[in-house]
């Protein structure tokens, strides 16, 4: 049998070749958008005046850089000069770009911008900072984190934070 006289086989070969050359038909399963992120707190419950450490670990970051947004109850405040990035076993002092309260949700947002210049060739690491309890929060309070691709001209508004929590951890002030 002459292979090229069978139109169905020829079509199958051409289609398979095109799909392989273009990277498959459904896109890559490894694309994660802005990246992966998780958040932990220690301890999970504090009295007013006590501090809590927040650690967010990230990986598979978008090559353009990312914005990392935290949302937490207004019964907590950020402690200045406690932010530390850990990237490639290097500790780098940091600070949030934005700290703002949102009246309608009784929450505070903390926003960090992480550009490629800080990451070099790495796409994973962590950010750590401290919060202090200033007033009681509800029993089901949480700290939440969202990660987005860094835009050329980043803007953030507490009234429209474009925030969808990708991870959260319980956090309560008694």
Protein backbone atom coordinates (compact mmCIF):
# COMPACT_ATOMS: atom_id res chain seq x y z
CA UNK A 1 0.00 0.00 0.00
CA UNK A 2 1.33 3.43 -0.91
CA UNK A 3 1.09 5.57 2.24
CA UNK A 4 0.53 8.92 0.48
CA UNK A 5 -2.48 7.63 -1.44
CA UNK A 6 -4.46 7.42 1.81
CA UNK A 7 -5.86 10.94 2.45
CA UNK A 8 -6.84 10.24 6.07
CA UNK A 9 -3.32 9.19 7.03
CA UNK A 10 -1.81 12.26 5.37
CA UNK A 11 -4.22 14.53 7.23
CA UNK A 12 -3.35 12.81 10.51
CA UNK A 13 0.40 13.27 9.96
CA UNK A 14 0.04 16.95 9.03
CA UNK A 15 -2.28 17.69 11.98
CA UNK A 16 -0.03 15.90 14.48
CA UNK A 17 3.05 17.71 13.16
CA UNK A 18 1.34 21.09 13.43
CA UNK A 19 0.11 20.42 16.97
CA UNK A 20 3.57 19.35 18.13
CA UNK A 21 5.24 22.34 16.47
CA UNK A 22 2.76 24.76 18.04
CA UNK A 23 3.10 23.32 21.53
CA UNK A 24 -0.01 21.21 21.64
CA UNK A 25 -3.66 21.91 21.17
CA UNK A 26 -4.69 23.02 24.63
CA UNK A 27 -1.83 25.19 25.81
CA UNK A 28 0.72 24.43 28.47
CA UNK A 29 -0.42 22.93 31.75
CA UNK A 30 2.52 24.60 33.52
CA UNK A 31 1.28 28.19 32.97
CA UNK A 32 0.15 29.55 36.34
CA UNK A 33 -0.54 33.19 35.51
CA UNK A 34 1.16 35.50 38.00
CA UNK A 35 2.58 32.65 40.08
CA UNK A 36 1.86 30.43 43.04
CA UNK A 37 1.63 31.81 46.58
CA UNK A 38 0.82 30.56 50.08
CA UNK A 39 0.60 32.34 53.43
CA UNK A 40 1.24 31.24 57.03
CA UNK A 41 1.02 33.10 60.35
CA UNK A 42 2.57 32.44 63.74
CA UNK A 43 0.99 32.50 66.24
CA UNK A 44 -2.57 32.31 64.97
CA UNK A 45 -4.06 34.00 68.04
CA UNK A 46 -2.61 36.98 69.92
CA UNK A 47 -3.67 39.47 72.59
CA UNK A 48 -3.75 43.19 71.84
CA UNK A 49 -0.22 44.54 71.85
CA UNK A 50 1.27 41.21 70.70
CA UNK A 51 2.90 40.60 67.34
CA UNK A 52 2.33 37.95 64.70
CA UNK A 53 4.76 36.93 61.94
CA UNK A 54 3.35 36.57 58.42
CA UNK A 55 5.27 34.53 55.84
CA UNK A 56 4.27 34.17 52.20
CA UNK A 57 6.12 31.76 49.95
CA UNK A 58 5.94 32.21 46.19
CA UNK A 59 7.09 30.30 43.11
CA UNK A 60 6.71 30.17 39.33
CA UNK A 61 6.55 33.97 39.12
CA UNK A 62 5.63 35.71 35.90
CA UNK A 63 8.72 37.10 34.11
CA UNK A 64 7.33 40.67 34.18
CA UNK A 65 7.24 40.67 37.99
CA UNK A 66 4.27 40.58 40.36
CA UNK A 67 2.26 42.53 42.87
CA UNK A 68 1.58 40.68 46.11
CA UNK A 69 -1.46 41.95 48.01
CA UNK A 70 -2.37 41.06 51.58
CA UNK A 71 -5.74 41.76 53.21
CA UNK A 72 -6.14 41.53 56.98
CA UNK A 73 -8.60 42.73 59.65
CA UNK A 74 -8.38 46.35 60.81
CA UNK A 75 -7.63 45.08 64.35
CA UNK A 76 -4.01 44.61 63.21
CA UNK A 77 -1.37 47.11 62.06
CA UNK A 78 1.80 46.65 60.05
CA UNK A 79 5.05 47.08 62.01
CA UNK A 80 7.43 49.30 60.02
CA UNK A 81 10.83 47.95 58.99
CA UNK A 82 9.90 44.27 59.49
CA UNK A 83 9.59 43.25 55.81
CA UNK A 84 12.30 40.90 54.55
CA UNK A 85 12.45 39.24 51.14
CA UNK A 86 14.32 35.94 50.95
CA UNK A 87 15.42 35.15 47.41
CA UNK A 88 18.13 32.67 46.50
CA UNK A 89 19.18 32.41 50.18
CA UNK A 90 19.69 36.20 50.34
CA UNK A 91 17.78 38.34 52.85
CA UNK A 92 16.78 41.72 51.41
CA UNK A 93 15.16 44.47 53.47
CA UNK A 94 11.89 45.57 51.97
CA UNK A 95 8.86 47.70 52.61
CA UNK A 96 5.32 47.61 51.30
CA UNK A 97 4.59 50.02 48.48
CA UNK A 98 1.08 50.63 49.79
CA UNK A 99 -0.66 50.30 53.13
CA UNK A 100 -4.26 51.41 53.08
CA UNK A 101 -7.53 50.72 54.89
CA UNK A 102 -10.80 49.91 53.15
CA UNK A 103 -13.69 51.29 55.19
CA UNK A 104 -16.40 49.20 53.55
CA UNK A 105 -14.73 45.88 54.47
CA UNK A 106 -13.07 46.82 57.79
CA UNK A 107 -9.83 45.51 56.27
CA UNK A 108 -6.35 46.78 55.61
CA UNK A 109 -4.37 46.09 52.45
CA UNK A 110 -0.61 45.76 52.26
CA UNK A 111 0.81 45.75 48.71
CA UNK A 112 4.32 44.81 47.59
CA UNK A 113 5.70 45.15 44.06
CA UNK A 114 8.32 42.59 43.10
CA UNK A 115 10.07 43.36 39.82
CA UNK A 116 12.48 41.22 37.84
CA UNK A 117 15.41 43.37 39.05
CA UNK A 118 15.02 41.94 42.56
CA UNK A 119 14.53 38.37 41.36
CA UNK A 120 17.45 38.09 38.90
CA UNK A 121 16.97 34.61 37.41
CA UNK A 122 14.95 33.25 40.34
CA UNK A 123 11.22 32.74 40.26
CA UNK A 124 10.68 31.71 43.89
CA UNK A 125 11.29 32.97 47.41
CA UNK A 126 9.38 34.44 50.34
CA UNK A 127 8.34 37.67 52.04
CA UNK A 128 8.06 37.97 55.81
CA UNK A 129 6.69 40.81 57.95
CA UNK A 130 5.08 41.45 61.32
CA UNK A 131 1.68 42.74 62.39
CA UNK A 132 0.63 43.92 65.86
CA UNK A 133 -2.81 43.38 67.35
CA UNK A 134 -4.47 46.67 68.35
CA UNK A 135 -8.09 45.61 68.85
CA UNK A 136 -10.13 42.42 69.00
CA UNK A 137 -11.13 40.75 65.75
CA UNK A 138 -13.86 38.22 65.06
CA UNK A 139 -13.24 34.52 65.67
CA UNK A 140 -13.16 33.74 61.95
CA UNK A 141 -10.66 36.47 60.95
CA UNK A 142 -8.10 35.69 58.29
CA UNK A 143 -5.13 37.13 56.50
CA UNK A 144 -5.48 36.60 52.77
CA UNK A 145 -3.03 36.93 49.88
CA UNK A 146 -3.45 37.58 46.16
CA UNK A 147 -0.77 37.69 43.47
CA UNK A 148 -1.10 39.48 40.12
CA UNK A 149 1.18 40.20 37.18
CA UNK A 150 2.92 43.54 37.68
CA UNK A 151 1.60 46.13 35.25
CA UNK A 152 3.84 48.79 33.67
CA UNK A 153 2.09 51.53 35.67
CA UNK A 154 0.70 49.81 38.79
CA UNK A 155 -2.26 51.37 40.51
CA UNK A 156 -4.00 50.16 43.64
CA UNK A 157 -7.25 51.35 45.15
CA UNK A 158 -8.73 50.02 48.37
CA UNK A 159 -12.15 50.85 46.92
CA UNK A 160 -11.46 48.58 43.93
CA UNK A 161 -8.57 46.33 45.01
CA UNK A 162 -9.02 43.68 42.27
CA UNK A 163 -8.45 41.15 45.03
CA UNK A 164 -9.25 37.44 44.82
CA UNK A 165 -7.64 35.52 47.67
CA UNK A 166 -5.39 32.72 46.44
CA UNK A 167 -4.58 31.56 49.96
CA UNK A 168 -5.50 32.49 53.52
CA UNK A 169 -4.60 31.70 57.13
CA UNK A 170 -6.61 32.09 60.32
CA UNK A 171 -5.54 35.07 62.43
CA UNK A 172 -7.28 36.42 65.53
CA UNK A 173 -6.71 39.19 68.07
CA UNK A 174 -8.39 38.52 71.46
